[in-house]
Amino acid sequence: MSPTRCVSPMKPAAIAAELGIHLTAAPEEFRTAPIARAVLDALPTDRPAV
């Protein structure tokens, strides 16, 4: 049996803390919308262009 993952969205502040970035330095769309855990897990391999 595989472990189940929480699919509820995470708050931007929690994600910023996990990524080790300052929330105020993140783009507006990152700061204002909850983000799914799957999106956070994909960030190390699929980074947005700067």
C-alpha atoms as a PDB file:
ATOM      1  CA  MET A   1       0.000   0.000   0.000  1.00  0.00           C
ATOM      2  CA  SER A   2       1.404   3.379  -0.948  1.00  0.00           C
ATOM      3  CA  PRO A   3       1.319   6.287   1.497  1.00  0.00           C
ATOM      4  CA  THR A   4      -1.395   8.849   0.861  1.00  0.00           C
ATOM      5  CA  ARG A   5      -0.467  12.475   0.345  1.00  0.00           C
ATOM      6  CA  CYS A   6      -2.426  15.474   1.431  1.00  0.00           C
ATOM      7  CA  VAL A   7      -3.839  17.213  -1.629  1.00  0.00           C
ATOM      8  CA  SER A   8      -4.920  20.355   0.179  1.00  0.00           C
ATOM      9  CA  PRO A   9      -3.207  23.539  -0.977  1.00  0.00           C
ATOM     10  CA  MET A  10      -0.329  24.941   1.040  1.00  0.00           C
ATOM     11  CA  LYS A  11      -0.051  28.550   2.119  1.00  0.00           C
ATOM     12  CA  PRO A  12       2.552  30.625   0.239  1.00  0.00           C
ATOM     13  CA  ALA A  13       4.420  31.404   3.484  1.00  0.00           C
ATOM     14  CA  ALA A  14       4.845  27.695   4.234  1.00  0.00           C
ATOM     15  CA  ILE A  15       6.156  26.995   0.744  1.00  0.00           C
ATOM     16  CA  ALA A  16       8.567  29.933   0.883  1.00  0.00           C
ATOM     17  CA  ALA A  17       9.932  28.579   4.160  1.00  0.00           C
ATOM     18  CA  GLU A  18      10.406  25.110   2.644  1.00  0.00           C
ATOM     19  CA  LEU A  19      12.186  26.587  -0.369  1.00  0.00           C
ATOM     20  CA  GLY A  20      14.334  28.842   1.796  1.00  0.00           C
ATOM     21  CA  ILE A  21      13.239  32.064   0.101  1.00  0.00           C
ATOM     22  CA  HIS A  22      11.745  35.287   1.418  1.00  0.00           C
ATOM     23  CA  LEU A  23       8.052  35.499   0.620  1.00  0.00           C
ATOM     24  CA  THR A  24       8.363  39.183  -0.267  1.00  0.00           C
ATOM     25  CA  ALA A  25      10.930  38.281  -2.960  1.00  0.00           C
ATOM     26  CA  ALA A  26       8.554  35.817  -4.638  1.00  0.00           C
ATOM     27  CA  PRO A  27       6.415  36.797  -7.631  1.00  0.00           C
ATOM     28  CA  GLU A  28       2.954  38.229  -6.942  1.00  0.00           C
ATOM     29  CA  GLU A  29       1.103  35.140  -8.219  1.00  0.00           C
ATOM     30  CA  PHE A  30       3.149  32.987  -5.817  1.00  0.00           C
ATOM     31  CA  ARG A  31       2.346  35.192  -2.811  1.00  0.00           C
ATOM     32  CA  THR A  32      -1.390  35.441  -3.371  1.00  0.00           C
ATOM     33  CA  ALA A  33      -2.524  31.933  -4.295  1.00  0.00           C
ATOM     34  CA  PRO A  34      -2.397  28.628  -2.417  1.00  0.00           C
ATOM     35  CA  ILE A  35      -0.161  26.085  -4.154  1.00  0.00           C
ATOM     36  CA  ALA A  36      -0.712  22.328  -4.338  1.00  0.00           C
ATOM     37  CA  ARG A  37       1.923  20.054  -2.808  1.00  0.00           C
ATOM     38  CA  ALA A  38       2.466  18.427  -6.231  1.00  0.00           C
ATOM     39  CA  VAL A  39       3.514  21.810  -7.652  1.00  0.00           C
ATOM     40  CA  LEU A  40       5.983  22.293  -4.797  1.00  0.00           C
ATOM     41  CA  ASP A  41       7.413  18.811  -5.372  1.00  0.00           C
ATOM     42  CA  ALA A  42       7.899  19.595  -9.085  1.00  0.00           C
ATOM     43  CA  LEU A  43       9.809  22.860  -8.511  1.00  0.00           C
ATOM     44  CA  PRO A  44      13.291  21.320  -8.125  1.00  0.00           C
ATOM     45  CA  THR A  45      13.060  19.684 -11.573  1.00  0.00           C
ATOM     46  CA  ASP A  46      10.852  22.225 -13.366  1.00  0.00           C
ATOM     47  CA  ARG A  47      12.006  25.653 -12.205  1.00  0.00           C
ATOM     48  CA  PRO A  48      10.292  28.710 -13.679  1.00  0.00           C
ATOM     49  CA  ALA A  49      12.372  31.022 -15.860  1.00  0.00           C
ATOM     50  CA  VAL A  50      13.667  34.119 -14.166  1.00  0.00           C
END
